[in-house]
Amino acid sequence: MKSAARCVKFLLLSCKLFICKHQGGGIDPSERFSSRMENYIKYRPGYPVGVVETLRDHCGLTPEDSVADVGSGTGLLARAFLDFGCHVYGVEPNADMRAAGKRLLAHYRRFTSVEGSAESTGLPTASMDYVTAGQAFHWFDPLRARDEFRRILKPAGWVALVWNERRLDSTSFLRAYESLLQQYGTDYNQINHRSVEENPETIPVFFGGEYKVARFDNAQMFGFDGVRGRLESSSYVPEPGHPNYEPMLAELQRIFDQYQQDGVVAIEYDTRMFYGKISGV
């Protein structure tokens, strides 16, 4: 009975997340970043070395392991595992993002670019030691993704879901930046990944058993052009031609001028990693 109730709960959760993802203009999640590629490549944060070190120390990650990085985008998380020596399969549905990742990671001989999605990776059954997702799980259909991850993982394989969470109020600038997003974001609240993480059922039900959480500090230092690029890399802000685009940039300039020190501001993050084994693997 408990198992059946858990399945029903997860189905309802999947539907709820699917509805949230497809609000705000009806944009296909796999296509949201196509027009923001240059800024995404230049201004999105990477991941602390602690992500790989934690999996090495607590899960036995080795350079010989195969990693499916799902929703790999331009390869920000994949790069951390490639630097460690793993063979990484970057699974990405968006053609532009996939091409960018393939180009940026071309010098890594152990990187393989794969056209696929979280729900249909195209990878062989029982072929992966780890499945990872960086800044991506909130775009997945969690029920179908869990089944697919279970299929491609080797027995006793691990899953790691990672997010760079921008701090909202640790500095005056970050408080003002969050207010800007609330004012000008086109569908900021609908697709904010915190809505997934803060739901007390999402992650536990996905794993279906024990999992752990690791936290790391992360930060970027930017002049105004960098802050602007970081802002425009987000899928939920107006693009050129939108009536709120110029007012948004004017507000960004105002808060940058107010809070910059020596011409730069810090965007701080808490990097959080949820890692464990999916029940049934």
C-alpha atoms as a PDB file:
ATOM      1  CA  MET A   1       0.000   0.000   0.000  1.00  0.00           C
ATOM      2  CA  LYS A   2       2.806   2.412   0.859  1.00  0.00           C
ATOM      3  CA  SER A   3       4.466   1.692  -2.476  1.00  0.00           C
ATOM      4  CA  ALA A   4       1.225   2.324  -4.374  1.00  0.00           C
ATOM      5  CA  ALA A   5       0.614   5.549  -2.488  1.00  0.00           C
ATOM      6  CA  ARG A   6       4.150   6.684  -3.264  1.00  0.00           C
ATOM      7  CA  CYS A   7       3.624   5.999  -6.979  1.00  0.00           C
ATOM      8  CA  VAL A   8       0.374   7.991  -7.017  1.00  0.00           C
ATOM      9  CA  LYS A   9       2.074  10.854  -5.194  1.00  0.00           C
ATOM     10  CA  PHE A  10       4.932  10.857  -7.693  1.00  0.00           C
ATOM     11  CA  LEU A  11       2.543  10.818 -10.646  1.00  0.00           C
ATOM     12  CA  LEU A  12       0.752  13.853  -9.238  1.00  0.00           C
ATOM     13  CA  LEU A  13       4.082  15.558  -8.657  1.00  0.00           C
ATOM     14  CA  SER A  14       5.188  14.841 -12.237  1.00  0.00           C
ATOM     15  CA  CYS A  15       2.002  16.396 -13.593  1.00  0.00           C
ATOM     16  CA  LYS A  16       2.406  19.439 -11.362  1.00  0.00           C
ATOM     17  CA  LEU A  17       5.998  20.026 -12.460  1.00  0.00           C
ATOM     18  CA  PHE A  18       5.070  19.485 -16.122  1.00  0.00           C
ATOM     19  CA  ILE A  19       2.371  22.168 -15.891  1.00  0.00           C
ATOM     20  CA  CYS A  20       4.768  24.607 -14.196  1.00  0.00           C
ATOM     21  CA  LYS A  21       7.447  24.077 -16.836  1.00  0.00           C
ATOM     22  CA  HIS A  22       5.079  24.772 -19.711  1.00  0.00           C
ATOM     23  CA  GLN A  23       3.543  27.955 -18.332  1.00  0.00           C
ATOM     24  CA  GLY A  24       4.810  31.344 -19.416  1.00  0.00           C
ATOM     25  CA  GLY A  25       4.536  31.458 -23.178  1.00  0.00           C
ATOM     26  CA  GLY A  26       4.410  27.773 -23.991  1.00  0.00           C
ATOM     27  CA  ILE A  27       8.142  27.575 -24.751  1.00  0.00           C
ATOM     28  CA  ASP A  28       9.496  24.060 -25.166  1.00  0.00           C
ATOM     29  CA  PRO A  29      11.951  23.640 -22.258  1.00  0.00           C
ATOM     30  CA  SER A  30      14.509  22.073 -24.604  1.00  0.00           C
ATOM     31  CA  GLU A  31      14.518  25.235 -26.752  1.00  0.00           C
ATOM     32  CA  ARG A  32      14.470  27.967 -24.093  1.00  0.00           C
ATOM     33  CA  PHE A  33      18.195  28.779 -24.257  1.00  0.00           C
ATOM     34  CA  SER A  34      18.790  28.738 -28.025  1.00  0.00           C
ATOM     35  CA  SER A  35      18.663  32.526 -28.352  1.00  0.00           C
ATOM     36  CA  ARG A  36      20.855  33.067 -25.269  1.00  0.00           C
ATOM     37  CA  MET A  37      23.742  30.833 -26.250  1.00  0.00           C
ATOM     38  CA  GLU A  38      26.610  33.337 -26.289  1.00  0.00           C
ATOM     39  CA  ASN A  39      25.766  34.753 -22.870  1.00  0.00           C
ATOM     40  CA  TYR A  40      25.176  31.283 -21.445  1.00  0.00           C
ATOM     41  CA  ILE A  41      28.637  30.156 -22.536  1.00  0.00           C
ATOM     42  CA  LYS A  42      30.406  33.260 -21.247  1.00  0.00           C
ATOM     43  CA  TYR A  43      28.605  34.040 -18.021  1.00  0.00           C
ATOM     44  CA  ARG A  44      27.110  30.960 -16.386  1.00  0.00           C
ATOM     45  CA  PRO A  45      29.001  29.693 -13.305  1.00  0.00           C
ATOM     46  CA  GLY A  46      30.928  26.456 -13.262  1.00  0.00           C
ATOM     47  CA  TYR A  47      30.855  23.962 -10.399  1.00  0.00           C
ATOM     48  CA  PRO A  48      33.173  23.720  -7.387  1.00  0.00           C
ATOM     49  CA  VAL A  49      35.738  20.926  -7.312  1.00  0.00           C
ATOM     50  CA  GLY A  50      33.992  19.708  -4.161  1.00  0.00           C
ATOM     51  CA  VAL A  51      31.251  18.156  -6.310  1.00  0.00           C
ATOM     52  CA  VAL A  52      33.638  15.599  -7.789  1.00  0.00           C
ATOM     53  CA  GLU A  53      35.629  15.226  -4.581  1.00  0.00           C
ATOM     54  CA  THR A  54      32.494  14.370  -2.615  1.00  0.00           C
ATOM     55  CA  LEU A  55      31.482  11.673  -5.083  1.00  0.00           C
ATOM     56  CA  ARG A  56      35.039  10.339  -5.028  1.00  0.00           C
ATOM     57  CA  ASP A  57      35.200  10.213  -1.238  1.00  0.00           C
ATOM     58  CA  HIS A  58      31.661   9.014  -0.484  1.00  0.00           C
ATOM     59  CA  CYS A  59      30.607   7.060  -3.577  1.00  0.00           C
ATOM     60  CA  GLY A  60      33.899   5.704  -4.869  1.00  0.00           C
ATOM     61  CA  LEU A  61      34.030   7.743  -8.098  1.00  0.00           C
ATOM     62  CA  THR A  62      37.146   6.878 -10.133  1.00  0.00           C
ATOM     63  CA  PRO A  63      38.611   8.181 -13.419  1.00  0.00           C
ATOM     64  CA  GLU A  64      37.627   4.874 -15.027  1.00  0.00           C
ATOM     65  CA  ASP A  65      33.913   5.477 -14.441  1.00  0.00           C
ATOM     66  CA  SER A  66      31.386   6.346 -17.154  1.00  0.00           C
ATOM     67  CA  VAL A  67      29.176   9.353 -16.437  1.00  0.00           C
ATOM     68  CA  ALA A  68      25.968  10.321 -18.231  1.00  0.00           C
ATOM     69  CA  ASP A  69      25.613  14.080 -17.778  1.00  0.00           C
ATOM     70  CA  VAL A  70      21.961  14.621 -18.674  1.00  0.00           C
ATOM     71  CA  GLY A  71      20.859  18.046 -19.825  1.00  0.00           C
ATOM     72  CA  SER A  72      24.568  18.736 -20.250  1.00  0.00           C
ATOM     73  CA  GLY A  73      24.093  21.985 -22.170  1.00  0.00           C
ATOM     74  CA  THR A  74      27.428  23.638 -22.887  1.00  0.00           C
ATOM     75  CA  GLY A  75      29.275  21.214 -20.612  1.00  0.00           C
ATOM     76  CA  LEU A  76      29.716  23.166 -17.376  1.00  0.00           C
ATOM     77  CA  LEU A  77      29.243  20.115 -15.139  1.00  0.00           C
ATOM     78  CA  ALA A  78      30.669  17.637 -17.643  1.00  0.00           C
ATOM     79  CA  ARG A  79      33.959  19.542 -17.579  1.00  0.00           C
ATOM     80  CA  ALA A  80      34.443  18.816 -13.859  1.00  0.00           C
ATOM     81  CA  PHE A  81      34.184  15.063 -14.447  1.00  0.00           C
ATOM     82  CA  LEU A  82      36.339  15.211 -17.583  1.00  0.00           C
ATOM     83  CA  ASP A  83      39.069  16.998 -15.642  1.00  0.00           C
ATOM     84  CA  PHE A  84      38.929  14.119 -13.152  1.00  0.00           C
ATOM     85  CA  GLY A  85      39.439  11.661 -16.007  1.00  0.00           C
ATOM     86  CA  CYS A  86      35.979  10.119 -16.410  1.00  0.00           C
ATOM     87  CA  HIS A  87      34.407   9.232 -19.746  1.00  0.00           C
ATOM     88  CA  VAL A  88      31.449  11.607 -19.949  1.00  0.00           C
ATOM     89  CA  TYR A  89      28.442  11.194 -22.217  1.00  0.00           C
ATOM     90  CA  GLY A  90      26.829  14.613 -22.568  1.00  0.00           C
ATOM     91  CA  VAL A  91      23.123  14.024 -23.224  1.00  0.00           C
ATOM     92  CA  GLU A  92      21.414  17.178 -24.519  1.00  0.00           C
ATOM     93  CA  PRO A  93      18.137  17.675 -26.470  1.00  0.00           C
ATOM     94  CA  ASN A  94      18.781  21.248 -27.639  1.00  0.00           C
ATOM     95  CA  ALA A  95      20.751  21.202 -30.900  1.00  0.00           C
ATOM     96  CA  ASP A  96      22.388  24.600 -30.348  1.00  0.00           C
ATOM     97  CA  MET A  97      23.445  23.795 -26.793  1.00  0.00           C
ATOM     98  CA  ARG A  98      24.675  20.363 -27.842  1.00  0.00           C
ATOM     99  CA  ALA A  99      26.772  21.836 -30.654  1.00  0.00           C
ATOM    100  CA  ALA A 100      28.247  24.414 -28.283  1.00  0.00           C
ATOM    101  CA  GLY A 101      29.132  21.746 -25.734  1.00  0.00           C
ATOM    102  CA  LYS A 102      30.714  19.569 -28.391  1.00  0.00           C
ATOM    103  CA  ARG A 103      32.817  22.490 -29.605  1.00  0.00           C
ATOM    104  CA  LEU A 104      33.870  23.682 -26.149  1.00  0.00           C
ATOM    105  CA  LEU A 105      34.806  20.186 -24.969  1.00  0.00           C
ATOM    106  CA  ALA A 106      36.413  19.007 -28.223  1.00  0.00           C
ATOM    107  CA  HIS A 107      39.864  18.814 -26.623  1.00  0.00           C
ATOM    108  CA  TYR A 108      38.649  16.180 -24.151  1.00  0.00           C
ATOM    109  CA  ARG A 109      39.133  12.780 -25.773  1.00  0.00           C
ATOM    110  CA  ARG A 110      36.797  11.137 -23.256  1.00  0.00           C
ATOM    111  CA  PHE A 111      33.773  13.296 -24.051  1.00  0.00           C
ATOM    112  CA  THR A 112      30.961  11.909 -26.198  1.00  0.00           C
ATOM    113  CA  SER A 113      28.093  14.160 -27.270  1.00  0.00           C
ATOM    114  CA  VAL A 114      24.706  12.425 -27.379  1.00  0.00           C
ATOM    115  CA  GLU A 115      21.428  13.675 -28.821  1.00  0.00           C
ATOM    116  CA  GLY A 116      18.849  12.692 -26.242  1.00  0.00           C
ATOM    117  CA  SER A 117      16.808  13.781 -23.254  1.00  0.00           C
ATOM    118  CA  ALA A 118      16.378  12.812 -19.616  1.00  0.00           C
ATOM    119  CA  GLU A 119      13.377  10.733 -20.567  1.00  0.00           C
ATOM    120  CA  SER A 120      15.059   9.060 -23.562  1.00  0.00           C
ATOM    121  CA  THR A 121      18.847   9.274 -23.400  1.00  0.00           C
ATOM    122  CA  GLY A 122      19.623   6.833 -26.202  1.00  0.00           C
ATOM    123  CA  LEU A 123      22.311   5.225 -24.036  1.00  0.00           C
ATOM    124  CA  PRO A 124      22.633   1.436 -23.646  1.00  0.00           C
ATOM    125  CA  THR A 125      21.011  -0.354 -20.730  1.00  0.00           C
ATOM    126  CA  ALA A 126      23.208  -0.816 -17.623  1.00  0.00           C
ATOM    127  CA  SER A 127      26.073   1.162 -19.188  1.00  0.00           C
ATOM    128  CA  MET A 128      26.662   4.052 -16.756  1.00  0.00           C
ATOM    129  CA  ASP A 129      28.318   4.219 -13.346  1.00  0.00           C
ATOM    130  CA  TYR A 130      26.873   7.680 -12.626  1.00  0.00           C
ATOM    131  CA  VAL A 131      24.077   9.875 -13.924  1.00  0.00           C
ATOM    132  CA  THR A 132      24.435  13.586 -13.228  1.00  0.00           C
ATOM    133  CA  ALA A 133      22.307  16.651 -13.940  1.00  0.00           C
ATOM    134  CA  GLY A 134      23.607  20.176 -13.439  1.00  0.00           C
ATOM    135  CA  GLN A 135      21.022  22.963 -13.304  1.00  0.00           C
ATOM    136  CA  ALA A 136      18.696  20.710 -15.279  1.00  0.00           C
ATOM    137  CA  PHE A 137      16.515  18.390 -13.187  1.00  0.00           C
ATOM    138  CA  HIS A 138      13.754  20.992 -12.855  1.00  0.00           C
ATOM    139  CA  TRP A 139      13.229  20.691 -16.639  1.00  0.00           C
ATOM    140  CA  PHE A 140      12.755  16.906 -16.538  1.00  0.00           C
ATOM    141  CA  ASP A 141       9.620  14.808 -16.319  1.00  0.00           C
ATOM    142  CA  PRO A 142      10.737  13.267 -13.006  1.00  0.00           C
ATOM    143  CA  LEU A 143       8.800  10.008 -13.308  1.00  0.00           C
ATOM    144  CA  ARG A 144      10.046   9.186 -16.805  1.00  0.00           C
ATOM    145  CA  ALA A 145      13.549  10.437 -16.032  1.00  0.00           C
ATOM    146  CA  ARG A 146      13.772   8.208 -12.975  1.00  0.00           C
ATOM    147  CA  ASP A 147      12.797   5.180 -15.057  1.00  0.00           C
ATOM    148  CA  GLU A 148      15.352   6.076 -17.726  1.00  0.00           C
ATOM    149  CA  PHE A 149      18.133   6.662 -15.198  1.00  0.00           C
ATOM    150  CA  ARG A 150      17.323   3.330 -13.603  1.00  0.00           C
ATOM    151  CA  ARG A 151      17.586   1.686 -17.032  1.00  0.00           C
ATOM    152  CA  ILE A 152      20.973   3.097 -18.029  1.00  0.00           C
ATOM    153  CA  LEU A 153      22.698   2.748 -14.648  1.00  0.00           C
ATOM    154  CA  LYS A 154      24.823  -0.241 -13.825  1.00  0.00           C
ATOM    155  CA  PRO A 155      23.859  -2.168 -10.681  1.00  0.00           C
ATOM    156  CA  ALA A 156      24.677   0.019  -7.652  1.00  0.00           C
ATOM    157  CA  GLY A 157      25.059   3.110  -9.874  1.00  0.00           C
ATOM    158  CA  TRP A 158      24.695   6.614  -8.445  1.00  0.00           C
ATOM    159  CA  VAL A 159      22.699   9.737  -9.355  1.00  0.00           C
ATOM    160  CA  ALA A 160      23.821  13.297  -8.528  1.00  0.00           C
ATOM    161  CA  LEU A 161      21.494  16.281  -9.029  1.00  0.00           C
ATOM    162  CA  VAL A 162      23.372  19.577  -8.770  1.00  0.00           C
ATOM    163  CA  TRP A 163      22.292  23.214  -8.682  1.00  0.00           C
ATOM    164  CA  ASN A 164      24.088  26.521  -8.378  1.00  0.00           C
ATOM    165  CA  GLU A 165      21.587  28.431  -6.239  1.00  0.00           C
ATOM    166  CA  ARG A 166      22.091  32.169  -6.484  1.00  0.00           C
ATOM    167  CA  ARG A 167      21.979  33.680  -3.024  1.00  0.00           C
ATOM    168  CA  LEU A 168      19.010  36.014  -2.747  1.00  0.00           C
ATOM    169  CA  ASP A 169      19.850  38.242   0.197  1.00  0.00           C
ATOM    170  CA  SER A 170      23.432  37.741   1.360  1.00  0.00           C
ATOM    171  CA  THR A 171      24.418  41.200   0.034  1.00  0.00           C
ATOM    172  CA  SER A 172      22.615  44.426  -0.790  1.00  0.00           C
ATOM    173  CA  PHE A 173      23.367  43.935  -4.476  1.00  0.00           C
ATOM    174  CA  LEU A 174      21.894  40.427  -4.519  1.00  0.00           C
ATOM    175  CA  ARG A 175      18.739  41.654  -2.793  1.00  0.00           C
ATOM    176  CA  ALA A 176      18.352  44.349  -5.447  1.00  0.00           C
ATOM    177  CA  TYR A 177      19.109  41.847  -8.230  1.00  0.00           C
ATOM    178  CA  GLU A 178      16.397  39.506  -6.961  1.00  0.00           C
ATOM    179  CA  SER A 179      13.921  42.400  -6.873  1.00  0.00           C
ATOM    180  CA  LEU A 180      14.809  43.170 -10.494  1.00  0.00           C
ATOM    181  CA  LEU A 181      14.029  39.577 -11.499  1.00  0.00           C
ATOM    182  CA  GLN A 182      10.745  39.641  -9.630  1.00  0.00           C
ATOM    183  CA  GLN A 183       9.779  42.867 -11.389  1.00  0.00           C
ATOM    184  CA  TYR A 184      10.917  42.107 -14.932  1.00  0.00           C
ATOM    185  CA  GLY A 185      11.123  38.311 -15.196  1.00  0.00           C
ATOM    186  CA  THR A 186       8.657  36.977 -17.750  1.00  0.00           C
ATOM    187  CA  ASP A 187       8.019  33.649 -15.994  1.00  0.00           C
ATOM    188  CA  TYR A 188      10.631  33.700 -13.250  1.00  0.00           C
ATOM    189  CA  ASN A 189       8.486  32.247 -10.482  1.00  0.00           C
ATOM    190  CA  GLN A 190       7.042  29.487 -12.658  1.00  0.00           C
ATOM    191  CA  ILE A 191      10.364  27.966 -13.708  1.00  0.00           C
ATOM    192  CA  ASN A 192      12.492  28.830 -10.666  1.00  0.00           C
ATOM    193  CA  HIS A 193      14.245  25.557  -9.772  1.00  0.00           C
ATOM    194  CA  ARG A 194      13.849  26.331  -6.078  1.00  0.00           C
ATOM    195  CA  SER A 195      10.184  25.366  -6.466  1.00  0.00           C
ATOM    196  CA  VAL A 196      11.408  21.827  -7.159  1.00  0.00           C
ATOM    197  CA  GLU A 197      13.985  21.658  -4.399  1.00  0.00           C
ATOM    198  CA  GLU A 198      11.839  23.248  -1.719  1.00  0.00           C
ATOM    199  CA  ASN A 199       8.962  20.850  -2.310  1.00  0.00           C
ATOM    200  CA  PRO A 200       9.510  18.360   0.531  1.00  0.00           C
ATOM    201  CA  GLU A 201       8.403  15.470  -1.673  1.00  0.00           C
ATOM    202  CA  THR A 202      10.248  16.055  -4.957  1.00  0.00           C
ATOM    203  CA  ILE A 203      13.756  14.815  -4.253  1.00  0.00           C
ATOM    204  CA  PRO A 204      12.882  12.100  -1.680  1.00  0.00           C
ATOM    205  CA  VAL A 205      10.243  10.591  -3.940  1.00  0.00           C
ATOM    206  CA  PHE A 206      12.577  10.708  -6.933  1.00  0.00           C
ATOM    207  CA  PHE A 207      15.272   8.708  -5.153  1.00  0.00           C
ATOM    208  CA  GLY A 208      12.744   6.478  -3.401  1.00  0.00           C
ATOM    209  CA  GLY A 209      15.165   5.868  -0.552  1.00  0.00           C
ATOM    210  CA  GLU A 210      18.169   7.304   1.229  1.00  0.00           C
ATOM    211  CA  TYR A 211      20.091  10.173  -0.336  1.00  0.00           C
ATOM    212  CA  LYS A 212      22.527  12.804   0.902  1.00  0.00           C
ATOM    213  CA  VAL A 213      22.960  16.545   0.415  1.00  0.00           C
ATOM    214  CA  ALA A 214      26.292  18.348   0.027  1.00  0.00           C
ATOM    215  CA  ARG A 215      26.737  22.133  -0.031  1.00  0.00           C
ATOM    216  CA  PHE A 216      29.586  24.259  -1.402  1.00  0.00           C
ATOM    217  CA  ASP A 217      30.352  27.971  -1.741  1.00  0.00           C
ATOM    218  CA  ASN A 218      30.629  29.393  -5.250  1.00  0.00           C
ATOM    219  CA  ALA A 219      30.904  32.929  -6.648  1.00  0.00           C
ATOM    220  CA  GLN A 220      31.493  35.060  -9.743  1.00  0.00           C
ATOM    221  CA  MET A 221      32.994  38.564  -9.848  1.00  0.00           C
ATOM    222  CA  PHE A 222      31.631  40.786 -12.617  1.00  0.00           C
ATOM    223  CA  GLY A 223      31.884  44.253 -14.057  1.00  0.00           C
ATOM    224  CA  PHE A 224      28.709  45.676 -15.574  1.00  0.00           C
ATOM    225  CA  ASP A 225      29.069  43.863 -18.902  1.00  0.00           C
ATOM    226  CA  GLY A 226      29.442  40.566 -17.050  1.00  0.00           C
ATOM    227  CA  VAL A 227      26.402  41.180 -14.863  1.00  0.00           C
ATOM    228  CA  ARG A 228      24.397  42.099 -17.942  1.00  0.00           C
ATOM    229  CA  GLY A 229      25.548  38.937 -19.710  1.00  0.00           C
ATOM    230  CA  ARG A 230      24.710  36.828 -16.667  1.00  0.00           C
ATOM    231  CA  LEU A 231      21.233  38.370 -16.527  1.00  0.00           C
ATOM    232  CA  GLU A 232      20.592  37.868 -20.237  1.00  0.00           C
ATOM    233  CA  SER A 233      21.690  34.232 -20.062  1.00  0.00           C
ATOM    234  CA  SER A 234      18.518  33.511 -18.071  1.00  0.00           C
ATOM    235  CA  SER A 235      15.570  32.131 -20.009  1.00  0.00           C
ATOM    236  CA  TYR A 236      13.038  34.055 -17.935  1.00  0.00           C
ATOM    237  CA  VAL A 237      14.092  37.659 -18.672  1.00  0.00           C
ATOM    238  CA  PRO A 238      12.951  39.867 -21.572  1.00  0.00           C
ATOM    239  CA  GLU A 239      14.975  39.818 -24.780  1.00  0.00           C
ATOM    240  CA  PRO A 240      15.719  42.768 -27.101  1.00  0.00           C
ATOM    241  CA  GLY A 241      12.481  44.065 -28.595  1.00  0.00           C
ATOM    242  CA  HIS A 242      10.404  43.302 -25.518  1.00  0.00           C
ATOM    243  CA  PRO A 243       8.884  46.480 -23.981  1.00  0.00           C
ATOM    244  CA  ASN A 244      10.519  45.739 -20.621  1.00  0.00           C
ATOM    245  CA  TYR A 245      13.997  45.036 -22.003  1.00  0.00           C
ATOM    246  CA  GLU A 246      15.387  48.584 -21.888  1.00  0.00           C
ATOM    247  CA  PRO A 247      13.772  49.432 -18.504  1.00  0.00           C
ATOM    248  CA  MET A 248      15.280  46.225 -17.102  1.00  0.00           C
ATOM    249  CA  LEU A 249      18.773  47.177 -18.285  1.00  0.00           C
ATOM    250  CA  ALA A 250      18.366  50.683 -16.885  1.00  0.00           C
ATOM    251  CA  GLU A 251      17.474  49.221 -13.495  1.00  0.00           C
ATOM    252  CA  LEU A 252      20.424  46.832 -13.692  1.00  0.00           C
ATOM    253  CA  GLN A 253      22.764  49.767 -14.400  1.00  0.00           C
ATOM    254  CA  ARG A 254      21.302  51.671 -11.454  1.00  0.00           C
ATOM    255  CA  ILE A 255      21.791  48.895  -8.919  1.00  0.00           C
ATOM    256  CA  PHE A 256      25.252  48.068 -10.275  1.00  0.00           C
ATOM    257  CA  ASP A 257      26.358  51.699  -9.912  1.00  0.00           C
ATOM    258  CA  GLN A 258      24.939  51.804  -6.393  1.00  0.00           C
ATOM    259  CA  TYR A 259      26.597  48.652  -5.067  1.00  0.00           C
ATOM    260  CA  GLN A 260      29.771  48.101  -7.121  1.00  0.00           C
ATOM    261  CA  GLN A 261      33.121  48.250  -5.387  1.00  0.00           C
ATOM    262  CA  ASP A 262      36.163  48.963  -7.523  1.00  0.00           C
ATOM    263  CA  GLY A 263      34.034  48.366 -10.597  1.00  0.00           C
ATOM    264  CA  VAL A 264      32.815  44.874  -9.728  1.00  0.00           C
ATOM    265  CA  VAL A 265      30.053  43.078  -7.849  1.00  0.00           C
ATOM    266  CA  ALA A 266      29.874  39.504  -6.606  1.00  0.00           C
ATOM    267  CA  ILE A 267      27.169  37.029  -7.547  1.00  0.00           C
ATOM    268  CA  GLU A 268      27.318  34.406  -4.819  1.00  0.00           C
ATOM    269  CA  TYR A 269      25.925  30.885  -4.979  1.00  0.00           C
ATOM    270  CA  ASP A 270      25.255  27.941  -2.745  1.00  0.00           C
ATOM    271  CA  THR A 271      26.026  24.873  -4.825  1.00  0.00           C
ATOM    272  CA  ARG A 272      23.825  22.015  -3.644  1.00  0.00           C
ATOM    273  CA  MET A 273      24.183  18.395  -4.673  1.00  0.00           C
ATOM    274  CA  PHE A 274      21.607  15.698  -3.947  1.00  0.00           C
ATOM    275  CA  TYR A 275      23.193  12.293  -4.448  1.00  0.00           C
ATOM    276  CA  GLY A 276      22.210   8.705  -3.863  1.00  0.00           C
ATOM    277  CA  LYS A 277      20.981   5.535  -5.497  1.00  0.00           C
ATOM    278  CA  ILE A 278      17.574   5.282  -7.124  1.00  0.00           C
ATOM    279  CA  SER A 279      15.449   2.653  -5.453  1.00  0.00           C
ATOM    280  CA  GLY A 280      15.338  -0.456  -7.626  1.00  0.00           C
ATOM    281  CA  VAL A 281      18.768  -0.063  -9.268  1.00  0.00           C
END
